[in-house]
C-alpha atoms as a PDB file:
ATOM      1  CA  UNK A   1       7.624  99.310  65.232  1.00  0.00           C
ATOM      2  CA  UNK A   2       6.649 103.631  64.700  1.00  0.00           C
ATOM      3  CA  UNK A   3       7.129 105.866  67.884  1.00  0.00           C
ATOM      4  CA  UNK A   4       4.824 108.380  68.967  1.00  0.00           C
ATOM      5  CA  UNK A   5       5.617 112.092  67.385  1.00  0.00           C
ATOM      6  CA  UNK A   6       6.805 113.275  71.951  1.00  0.00           C
ATOM      7  CA  UNK A   7       9.134 109.777  72.268  1.00  0.00           C
ATOM      8  CA  UNK A   8      12.859 109.715  71.819  1.00  0.00           C
ATOM      9  CA  UNK A   9      15.286 106.723  71.437  1.00  0.00           C
ATOM     10  CA  UNK A  10      15.800 105.338  74.711  1.00  0.00           C
ATOM     11  CA  UNK A  11      20.215 105.419  75.348  1.00  0.00           C
ATOM     12  CA  UNK A  12      21.338 101.981  74.236  1.00  0.00           C
ATOM     13  CA  UNK A  13      23.974 100.251  76.349  1.00  0.00           C
ATOM     14  CA  UNK A  14      27.616 100.121  75.249  1.00  0.00           C
ATOM     15  CA  UNK A  15      26.831  95.986  74.629  1.00  0.00           C
ATOM     16  CA  UNK A  16      24.276  96.558  72.501  1.00  0.00           C
ATOM     17  CA  UNK A  17      26.110  98.967  70.812  1.00  0.00           C
ATOM     18  CA  UNK A  18      29.479  96.854  70.745  1.00  0.00           C
ATOM     19  CA  UNK A  19      27.216  94.133  69.221  1.00  0.00           C
ATOM     20  CA  UNK A  20      25.504  95.971  66.758  1.00  0.00           C
ATOM     21  CA  UNK A  21      29.009  97.252  65.823  1.00  0.00           C
ATOM     22  CA  UNK A  22      30.127  93.420  65.328  1.00  0.00           C
ATOM     23  CA  UNK A  23      27.739  93.086  62.620  1.00  0.00           C
ATOM     24  CA  UNK A  24      29.333  96.436  60.822  1.00  0.00           C
ATOM     25  CA  UNK A  25      27.037  99.247  61.766  1.00  0.00           C
ATOM     26  CA  UNK A  26      28.757 102.096  61.461  1.00  0.00           C
ATOM     27  CA  UNK A  27      26.326 104.229  63.057  1.00  0.00           C
ATOM     28  CA  UNK A  28      26.616 101.944  66.463  1.00  0.00           C
ATOM     29  CA  UNK A  29      30.368 102.697  66.070  1.00  0.00           C
ATOM     30  CA  UNK A  30      30.026 106.400  66.484  1.00  0.00           C
ATOM     31  CA  UNK A  31      27.402 106.270  69.004  1.00  0.00           C
ATOM     32  CA  UNK A  32      29.684 103.857  71.309  1.00  0.00           C
ATOM     33  CA  UNK A  33      32.972 106.438  70.461  1.00  0.00           C
ATOM     34  CA  UNK A  34      30.255 109.123  72.178  1.00  0.00           C
ATOM     35  CA  UNK A  35      29.778 106.946  74.868  1.00  0.00           C
ATOM     36  CA  UNK A  36      33.223 105.659  75.654  1.00  0.00           C
ATOM     37  CA  UNK A  37      35.772 107.996  73.410  1.00  0.00           C
ATOM     38  CA  UNK A  38      36.303 110.162  76.977  1.00  0.00           C
ATOM     39  CA  UNK A  39      37.462 106.573  78.939  1.00  0.00           C
ATOM     40  CA  UNK A  40      39.635 105.444  75.869  1.00  0.00           C
ATOM     41  CA  UNK A  41      41.302 108.669  75.769  1.00  0.00           C
ATOM     42  CA  UNK A  42      41.727 109.484  79.989  1.00  0.00           C
ATOM     43  CA  UNK A  43      42.841 105.877  80.273  1.00  0.00           C
ATOM     44  CA  UNK A  44      45.432 106.564  76.861  1.00  0.00           C
ATOM     45  CA  UNK A  45      46.565 109.802  78.894  1.00  0.00           C
ATOM     46  CA  UNK A  46      47.278 108.221  82.353  1.00  0.00           C
ATOM     47  CA  UNK A  47      49.079 105.484  81.019  1.00  0.00           C
ATOM     48  CA  UNK A  48      51.083 107.039  78.220  1.00  0.00           C
ATOM     49  CA  UNK A  49      51.423 111.187  79.935  1.00  0.00           C
ATOM     50  CA  UNK A  50      51.242 112.888  76.210  1.00  0.00           C
ATOM     51  CA  UNK A  51      48.228 113.972  75.087  1.00  0.00           C
ATOM     52  CA  UNK A  52      49.533 113.736  71.470  1.00  0.00           C
ATOM     53  CA  UNK A  53      50.722 109.896  71.826  1.00  0.00           C
ATOM     54  CA  UNK A  54      47.000 109.554  73.745  1.00  0.00           C
ATOM     55  CA  UNK A  55      44.827 110.389  71.020  1.00  0.00           C
ATOM     56  CA  UNK A  56      46.825 108.297  68.883  1.00  0.00           C
ATOM     57  CA  UNK A  57      47.095 105.051  70.619  1.00  0.00           C
ATOM     58  CA  UNK A  58      43.460 105.764  71.243  1.00  0.00           C
ATOM     59  CA  UNK A  59      42.688 105.938  67.780  1.00  0.00           C
ATOM     60  CA  UNK A  60      44.385 102.424  67.237  1.00  0.00           C
ATOM     61  CA  UNK A  61      42.240 101.488  70.194  1.00  0.00           C
ATOM     62  CA  UNK A  62      39.098 102.753  68.216  1.00  0.00           C
ATOM     63  CA  UNK A  63      40.480 100.967  65.224  1.00  0.00           C
ATOM     64  CA  UNK A  64      40.614  97.321  66.749  1.00  0.00           C
ATOM     65  CA  UNK A  65      37.119  97.764  69.019  1.00  0.00           C
ATOM     66  CA  UNK A  66      35.969  97.969  65.225  1.00  0.00           C
ATOM     67  CA  UNK A  67      37.755  95.268  63.524  1.00  0.00           C
ATOM     68  CA  UNK A  68      38.088  93.005  66.984  1.00  0.00           C
ATOM     69  CA  UNK A  69      34.109  93.709  68.047  1.00  0.00           C
ATOM     70  CA  UNK A  70      32.816  90.414  67.625  1.00  0.00           C
ATOM     71  CA  UNK A  71      35.440  89.056  70.240  1.00  0.00           C
ATOM     72  CA  UNK A  72      33.719  90.976  72.832  1.00  0.00           C
ATOM     73  CA  UNK A  73      31.407  88.393  74.938  1.00  0.00           C
ATOM     74  CA  UNK A  74      29.146  90.182  77.808  1.00  0.00           C
ATOM     75  CA  UNK A  75      28.882  87.120  80.088  1.00  0.00           C
ATOM     76  CA  UNK A  76      32.951  87.774  80.679  1.00  0.00           C
ATOM     77  CA  UNK A  77      32.222  91.637  81.842  1.00  0.00           C
ATOM     78  CA  UNK A  78      30.939  95.069  79.776  1.00  0.00           C
ATOM     79  CA  UNK A  79      31.621  96.456  76.888  1.00  0.00           C
ATOM     80  CA  UNK A  80      33.103  99.757  78.738  1.00  0.00           C
ATOM     81  CA  UNK A  81      35.516  97.556  80.622  1.00  0.00           C
ATOM     82  CA  UNK A  82      36.188  95.534  77.623  1.00  0.00           C
ATOM     83  CA  UNK A  83      37.566  99.037  75.793  1.00  0.00           C
ATOM     84  CA  UNK A  84      39.285 100.512  78.315  1.00  0.00           C
ATOM     85  CA  UNK A  85      40.878  96.962  78.598  1.00  0.00           C
ATOM     86  CA  UNK A  86      41.707  97.158  75.175  1.00  0.00           C
ATOM     87  CA  UNK A  87      43.242 101.095  75.833  1.00  0.00           C
ATOM     88  CA  UNK A  88      45.334 100.422  78.539  1.00  0.00           C
ATOM     89  CA  UNK A  89      46.978  97.497  76.959  1.00  0.00           C
ATOM     90  CA  UNK A  90      47.524  99.500  73.615  1.00  0.00           C
ATOM     91  CA  UNK A  91      49.264 102.125  76.295  1.00  0.00           C
ATOM     92  CA  UNK A  92      51.567 100.079  77.693  1.00  0.00           C
ATOM     93  CA  UNK A  93      52.666  98.404  74.716  1.00  0.00           C
ATOM     94  CA  UNK A  94      53.354 102.080  73.245  1.00  0.00           C
ATOM     95  CA  UNK A  95      55.413 102.622  76.518  1.00  0.00           C
ATOM     96  CA  UNK A  96      57.581  99.379  76.044  1.00  0.00           C
ATOM     97  CA  UNK A  97      58.271 100.158  72.902  1.00  0.00           C
ATOM     98  CA  UNK A  98      59.662 103.768  73.192  1.00  0.00           C
ATOM     99  CA  UNK A  99      61.671 102.600  76.177  1.00  0.00           C
ATOM    100  CA  UNK A 100      62.965  99.680  73.674  1.00  0.00           C
ATOM    101  CA  UNK A 101      63.315 101.946  71.066  1.00  0.00           C
ATOM    102  CA  UNK A 102      65.510 104.674  73.863  1.00  0.00           C
ATOM    103  CA  UNK A 103      67.451 101.452  74.742  1.00  0.00           C
ATOM    104  CA  UNK A 104      68.205 100.318  71.341  1.00  0.00           C
ATOM    105  CA  UNK A 105      69.233 103.905  70.558  1.00  0.00           C
ATOM    106  CA  UNK A 106      71.394 104.206  73.645  1.00  0.00           C
ATOM    107  CA  UNK A 107      73.123 100.865  72.780  1.00  0.00           C
ATOM    108  CA  UNK A 108      73.984 102.162  69.424  1.00  0.00           C
ATOM    109  CA  UNK A 109      75.005 105.616  71.078  1.00  0.00           C
ATOM    110  CA  UNK A 110      77.229 104.123  73.663  1.00  0.00           C
ATOM    111  CA  UNK A 111      78.615 101.733  70.940  1.00  0.00           C
ATOM    112  CA  UNK A 112      79.980 104.164  68.692  1.00  0.00           C
ATOM    113  CA  UNK A 113      81.461 106.788  70.749  1.00  0.00           C
ATOM    114  CA  UNK A 114      85.016 106.792  71.419  1.00  0.00           C
ATOM    115  CA  UNK A 115      85.832 106.617  74.674  1.00  0.00           C
ATOM    116  CA  UNK A 116      86.499 109.928  76.856  1.00  0.00           C
ATOM    117  CA  UNK A 117      90.588 110.613  76.834  1.00  0.00           C
ATOM    118  CA  UNK A 118      92.236 113.090  78.813  1.00  0.00           C
ATOM    119  CA  UNK A 119      95.043 114.659  76.331  1.00  0.00           C
ATOM    120  CA  UNK A 120      96.440 116.815  79.397  1.00  0.00           C
ATOM    121  CA  UNK A 121      96.868 113.535  81.512  1.00  0.00           C
ATOM    122  CA  UNK A 122      98.214 111.716  78.788  1.00  0.00           C
ATOM    123  CA  UNK A 123     100.634 113.736  78.353  1.00  0.00           C
ATOM    124  CA  UNK A 124     102.033 114.474  82.142  1.00  0.00           C
ATOM    125  CA  UNK A 125     102.089 111.044  82.206  1.00  0.00           C
ATOM    126  CA  UNK A 126     104.358 110.607  79.092  1.00  0.00           C
ATOM    127  CA  UNK A 127     106.762 113.158  80.079  1.00  0.00           C
ATOM    128  CA  UNK A 128     107.524 111.785  83.531  1.00  0.00           C
ATOM    129  CA  UNK A 129     107.699 108.089  81.984  1.00  0.00           C
ATOM    130  CA  UNK A 130     110.599 109.990  80.250  1.00  0.00           C
ATOM    131  CA  UNK A 131     112.618 111.908  82.755  1.00  0.00           C
ATOM    132  CA  UNK A 132     112.713 108.351  84.437  1.00  0.00           C
ATOM    133  CA  UNK A 133     113.801 106.406  81.628  1.00  0.00           C
ATOM    134  CA  UNK A 134     116.582 109.404  81.169  1.00  0.00           C
ATOM    135  CA  UNK A 135     117.113 109.479  84.545  1.00  0.00           C
ATOM    136  CA  UNK A 136     117.823 105.508  84.554  1.00  0.00           C
ATOM    137  CA  UNK A 137     119.734 105.220  81.629  1.00  0.00           C
ATOM    138  CA  UNK A 138     122.101 107.550  83.539  1.00  0.00           C
ATOM    139  CA  UNK A 139     122.927 104.743  85.626  1.00  0.00           C
ATOM    140  CA  UNK A 140     123.994 102.722  83.103  1.00  0.00           C
ATOM    141  CA  UNK A 141     127.637 102.715  81.873  1.00  0.00           C
ATOM    142  CA  UNK A 142     128.800 104.886  78.755  1.00  0.00           C
ATOM    143  CA  UNK A 143     129.249 101.746  76.643  1.00  0.00           C
ATOM    144  CA  UNK A 144     126.045 100.101  77.650  1.00  0.00           C
ATOM    145  CA  UNK A 145     124.281 103.762  77.149  1.00  0.00           C
ATOM    146  CA  UNK A 146     125.724 104.004  73.632  1.00  0.00           C
ATOM    147  CA  UNK A 147     124.767 100.416  72.401  1.00  0.00           C
ATOM    148  CA  UNK A 148     121.210 100.636  74.340  1.00  0.00           C
ATOM    149  CA  UNK A 149     119.932 104.093  73.017  1.00  0.00           C
ATOM    150  CA  UNK A 150     121.645 103.319  69.555  1.00  0.00           C
ATOM    151  CA  UNK A 151     119.472 100.072  68.996  1.00  0.00           C
ATOM    152  CA  UNK A 152     116.287 101.700  70.506  1.00  0.00           C
ATOM    153  CA  UNK A 153     116.322 105.567  70.035  1.00  0.00           C
ATOM    154  CA  UNK A 154     118.296 105.397  66.680  1.00  0.00           C
ATOM    155  CA  UNK A 155     116.134 101.932  65.436  1.00  0.00           C
ATOM    156  CA  UNK A 156     119.530 100.016  64.265  1.00  0.00           C
ATOM    157  CA  UNK A 157     119.835  96.795  64.220  1.00  0.00           C
ATOM    158  CA  UNK A 158     122.471  94.519  66.569  1.00  0.00           C
ATOM    159  CA  UNK A 159     124.876  94.473  63.501  1.00  0.00           C
ATOM    160  CA  UNK A 160     124.588  98.143  61.893  1.00  0.00           C
ATOM    161  CA  UNK A 161     125.358  98.844  66.437  1.00  0.00           C
ATOM    162  CA  UNK A 162     128.428  96.490  66.639  1.00  0.00           C
ATOM    163  CA  UNK A 163     129.242  98.330  62.741  1.00  0.00           C
ATOM    164  CA  UNK A 164     129.028 101.895  64.454  1.00  0.00           C
ATOM    165  CA  UNK A 165     130.737 101.178  67.613  1.00  0.00           C
ATOM    166  CA  UNK A 166     133.656  99.316  66.339  1.00  0.00           C
ATOM    167  CA  UNK A 167     132.552  96.199  68.689  1.00  0.00           C
ATOM    168  CA  UNK A 168     132.701  92.794  67.770  1.00  0.00           C
ATOM    169  CA  UNK A 169     128.343  91.901  67.565  1.00  0.00           C
ATOM    170  CA  UNK A 170     128.633  89.637  70.674  1.00  0.00           C
ATOM    171  CA  UNK A 171     129.522  91.924  72.893  1.00  0.00           C
ATOM    172  CA  UNK A 172     127.374  94.812  71.674  1.00  0.00           C
ATOM    173  CA  UNK A 173     125.003  92.217  72.511  1.00  0.00           C
ATOM    174  CA  UNK A 174     126.164  92.060  75.887  1.00  0.00           C
ATOM    175  CA  UNK A 175     125.938  95.940  76.330  1.00  0.00           C
ATOM    176  CA  UNK A 176     122.815  95.803  75.178  1.00  0.00           C
ATOM    177  CA  UNK A 177     121.830  92.916  77.360  1.00  0.00           C
ATOM    178  CA  UNK A 178     122.762  94.310  80.611  1.00  0.00           C
ATOM    179  CA  UNK A 179     121.800  97.756  79.865  1.00  0.00           C
ATOM    180  CA  UNK A 180     118.119  96.493  79.129  1.00  0.00           C
ATOM    181  CA  UNK A 181     118.312  94.606  82.607  1.00  0.00           C
ATOM    182  CA  UNK A 182     119.389  97.363  84.446  1.00  0.00           C
ATOM    183  CA  UNK A 183     116.874  99.621  83.055  1.00  0.00           C
ATOM    184  CA  UNK A 184     114.125  96.841  83.802  1.00  0.00           C
ATOM    185  CA  UNK A 185     115.671  96.632  87.111  1.00  0.00           C
ATOM    186  CA  UNK A 186     115.737 100.732  87.721  1.00  0.00           C
ATOM    187  CA  UNK A 187     111.918 101.428  85.858  1.00  0.00           C
ATOM    188  CA  UNK A 188     110.797  98.680  88.719  1.00  0.00           C
ATOM    189  CA  UNK A 189     109.009  96.794  85.384  1.00  0.00           C
ATOM    190  CA  UNK A 190     108.751  92.930  86.500  1.00  0.00           C
ATOM    191  CA  UNK A 191     109.117  90.102  83.854  1.00  0.00           C
END
Protein backbone atom coordinates (compact mmCIF):
# COMPACT_ATOMS: atom_id res chain seq x y z
CA UNK A 1 0.00 0.00 0.00
CA UNK A 2 1.42 3.35 -1.07
CA UNK A 3 1.30 6.42 1.11
CA UNK A 4 0.52 9.90 0.03
CA UNK A 5 3.14 12.67 0.03
CA UNK A 6 2.27 14.05 3.55
CA UNK A 7 1.71 10.76 5.35
CA UNK A 8 4.33 9.65 7.85
CA UNK A 9 4.94 6.14 9.10
CA UNK A 10 2.97 5.43 12.26
CA UNK A 11 5.26 4.51 15.14
CA UNK A 12 5.51 0.77 15.47
CA UNK A 13 5.07 -1.02 18.75
CA UNK A 14 8.04 -2.65 20.41
CA UNK A 15 6.21 -5.97 20.13
CA UNK A 16 5.93 -5.74 16.33
CA UNK A 17 9.54 -4.58 16.10
CA UNK A 18 10.66 -7.55 18.19
CA UNK A 19 8.66 -9.87 15.98
CA UNK A 20 10.45 -8.47 12.92
CA UNK A 21 13.82 -8.78 14.70
CA UNK A 22 13.02 -12.46 15.22
CA UNK A 23 12.75 -12.70 11.41
CA UNK A 24 16.22 -11.14 11.01
CA UNK A 25 15.09 -7.57 10.16
CA UNK A 26 18.05 -5.41 11.13
CA UNK A 27 16.22 -2.13 10.41
CA UNK A 28 13.54 -3.20 12.94
CA UNK A 29 16.38 -3.95 15.36
CA UNK A 30 17.76 -0.42 14.90
CA UNK A 31 14.34 1.11 15.64
CA UNK A 32 13.88 -1.20 18.65
CA UNK A 33 17.30 -0.14 19.91
CA UNK A 34 16.34 3.53 19.53
CA UNK A 35 13.08 2.84 21.36
CA UNK A 36 14.41 0.81 24.31
CA UNK A 37 18.14 1.60 24.41
CA UNK A 38 17.95 4.18 27.19
CA UNK A 39 15.85 1.87 29.34
CA UNK A 40 18.27 -1.02 28.89
CA UNK A 41 21.28 1.13 29.74
CA UNK A 42 19.45 2.69 32.71
CA UNK A 43 18.54 -0.73 34.08
CA UNK A 44 22.13 -1.91 33.78
CA UNK A 45 23.46 1.29 35.34
CA UNK A 46 21.01 1.00 38.23
CA UNK A 47 22.37 -2.42 39.12
CA UNK A 48 26.06 -1.95 38.30
CA UNK A 49 26.58 1.70 39.30
CA UNK A 50 29.41 2.01 36.79
CA UNK A 51 28.74 3.55 33.35
CA UNK A 52 31.47 1.55 31.61
CA UNK A 53 30.26 -1.77 32.98
CA UNK A 54 26.67 -0.78 32.28
CA UNK A 55 27.49 0.02 28.64
CA UNK A 56 29.29 -3.30 28.26
CA UNK A 57 26.41 -5.29 29.75
CA UNK A 58 23.87 -3.33 27.69
CA UNK A 59 25.75 -4.33 24.56
CA UNK A 60 25.57 -7.98 25.67
CA UNK A 61 21.83 -7.55 26.23
CA UNK A 62 21.32 -6.24 22.69
CA UNK A 63 23.25 -9.20 21.27
CA UNK A 64 21.00 -11.49 23.29
CA UNK A 65 17.88 -9.65 22.07
CA UNK A 66 19.03 -10.14 18.47
CA UNK A 67 19.76 -13.83 19.00
CA UNK A 68 16.72 -14.73 21.12
CA UNK A 69 13.96 -12.42 19.81
CA UNK A 70 12.00 -15.48 18.66
CA UNK A 71 11.57 -16.52 22.30
CA UNK A 72 9.55 -13.41 23.09
CA UNK A 73 5.93 -14.26 23.92
CA UNK A 74 3.58 -11.26 23.84
CA UNK A 75 1.04 -13.24 25.89
CA UNK A 76 3.44 -13.21 28.85
CA UNK A 77 4.28 -9.50 28.84
CA UNK A 78 5.36 -6.51 26.83
CA UNK A 79 8.47 -6.32 24.69
CA UNK A 80 9.77 -3.56 26.94
CA UNK A 81 9.37 -5.71 30.05
CA UNK A 82 11.00 -8.69 28.34
CA UNK A 83 13.99 -6.63 27.19
CA UNK A 84 14.47 -4.84 30.52
CA UNK A 85 14.22 -8.17 32.34
CA UNK A 86 17.05 -9.47 30.15
CA UNK A 87 19.04 -6.34 31.03
CA UNK A 88 18.41 -6.73 34.75
CA UNK A 89 19.37 -10.41 34.75
CA UNK A 90 22.57 -9.75 32.80
CA UNK A 91 23.54 -6.93 35.14
CA UNK A 92 22.92 -9.06 38.24
CA UNK A 93 24.95 -11.87 36.67
CA UNK A 94 27.81 -9.42 36.14
CA UNK A 95 27.68 -8.29 39.77
CA UNK A 96 27.78 -11.91 40.92
CA UNK A 97 30.66 -12.75 38.58
CA UNK A 98 32.69 -9.75 39.74
CA UNK A 99 32.04 -10.62 43.40
CA UNK A 100 32.97 -14.26 42.83
CA UNK A 101 36.23 -13.16 41.20
CA UNK A 102 36.98 -10.86 44.14
CA UNK A 103 36.29 -13.70 46.58
CA UNK A 104 38.63 -16.03 44.64
CA UNK A 105 41.33 -13.37 44.52
CA UNK A 106 40.96 -12.73 48.25
CA UNK A 107 41.23 -16.45 49.06
CA UNK A 108 44.40 -16.67 46.98
CA UNK A 109 45.79 -13.56 48.65
CA UNK A 110 44.89 -14.80 52.13
CA UNK A 111 46.46 -18.18 51.45
CA UNK A 112 49.66 -16.78 49.98
CA UNK A 113 50.53 -14.15 52.53
CA UNK A 114 52.66 -15.00 55.49
CA UNK A 115 51.23 -14.39 58.91
CA UNK A 116 52.34 -11.23 60.59
CA UNK A 117 55.33 -11.82 62.81
CA UNK A 118 56.30 -9.51 65.62
CA UNK A 119 60.08 -9.77 65.71
CA UNK A 120 60.46 -7.54 68.77
CA UNK A 121 57.93 -9.51 70.83
CA UNK A 122 59.54 -12.79 69.78
CA UNK A 123 63.03 -11.56 70.73
CA UNK A 124 61.81 -10.26 74.10
CA UNK A 125 60.05 -13.54 74.80
CA UNK A 126 63.14 -15.50 73.83
CA UNK A 127 65.38 -13.32 76.02
CA UNK A 128 63.04 -13.74 79.00
CA UNK A 129 62.99 -17.49 78.44
CA UNK A 130 66.80 -17.57 78.40
CA UNK A 131 66.93 -15.62 81.67
CA UNK A 132 64.48 -18.04 83.30
CA UNK A 133 66.49 -21.07 82.10
CA UNK A 134 69.73 -19.48 83.38
CA UNK A 135 68.11 -18.76 86.75
CA UNK A 136 66.85 -22.33 86.96
CA UNK A 137 70.26 -23.72 85.99
CA UNK A 138 71.53 -21.92 89.10
CA UNK A 139 69.33 -24.16 91.26
CA UNK A 140 71.11 -27.33 90.10
CA UNK A 141 74.08 -28.87 91.84
CA UNK A 142 77.37 -28.14 90.15
CA UNK A 143 77.70 -31.70 88.83
CA UNK A 144 74.13 -31.68 87.46
CA UNK A 145 74.66 -28.27 85.86
CA UNK A 146 77.92 -29.36 84.27
CA UNK A 147 76.39 -32.54 82.81
CA UNK A 148 73.24 -30.76 81.51
CA UNK A 149 75.19 -27.89 79.94
CA UNK A 150 77.60 -30.23 78.19
CA UNK A 151 74.77 -32.46 76.90
CA UNK A 152 72.24 -29.83 75.80
CA UNK A 153 74.23 -26.68 75.13
CA UNK A 154 77.41 -28.47 74.08
CA UNK A 155 75.58 -30.99 71.91
CA UNK A 156 77.49 -33.96 73.39
CA UNK A 157 76.21 -37.50 73.79
CA UNK A 158 75.94 -39.12 77.22
CA UNK A 159 79.12 -41.10 76.46
CA UNK A 160 81.05 -37.90 75.49
CA UNK A 161 79.86 -36.14 78.68
CA UNK A 162 80.96 -39.14 80.76
CA UNK A 163 84.38 -39.12 79.09
CA UNK A 164 84.84 -35.36 79.54
CA UNK A 165 83.80 -35.46 83.20
CA UNK A 166 85.74 -38.67 83.81
CA UNK A 167 82.62 -40.14 85.39
CA UNK A 168 80.86 -43.47 84.88
CA UNK A 169 78.13 -43.39 82.18
CA UNK A 170 75.29 -44.41 84.57
CA UNK A 171 76.27 -41.60 86.96
CA UNK A 172 76.23 -39.02 84.14
CA UNK A 173 72.82 -40.26 82.96
CA UNK A 174 71.47 -39.91 86.51
CA UNK A 175 72.91 -36.38 86.88
CA UNK A 176 71.39 -35.28 83.57
CA UNK A 177 68.00 -36.90 84.39
CA UNK A 178 67.89 -35.37 87.88
CA UNK A 179 69.03 -32.00 86.55
CA UNK A 180 66.32 -31.99 83.85
CA UNK A 181 63.65 -32.90 86.42
CA UNK A 182 64.72 -29.96 88.60
CA UNK A 183 64.73 -27.64 85.57
CA UNK A 184 61.25 -28.81 84.61
CA UNK A 185 59.95 -28.10 88.11
CA UNK A 186 61.69 -24.73 88.26
CA UNK A 187 60.32 -23.65 84.83
CA UNK A 188 56.83 -24.92 85.70
CA UNK A 189 56.70 -27.21 82.68
CA UNK A 190 54.03 -29.89 82.88
CA UNK A 191 54.75 -33.25 81.32
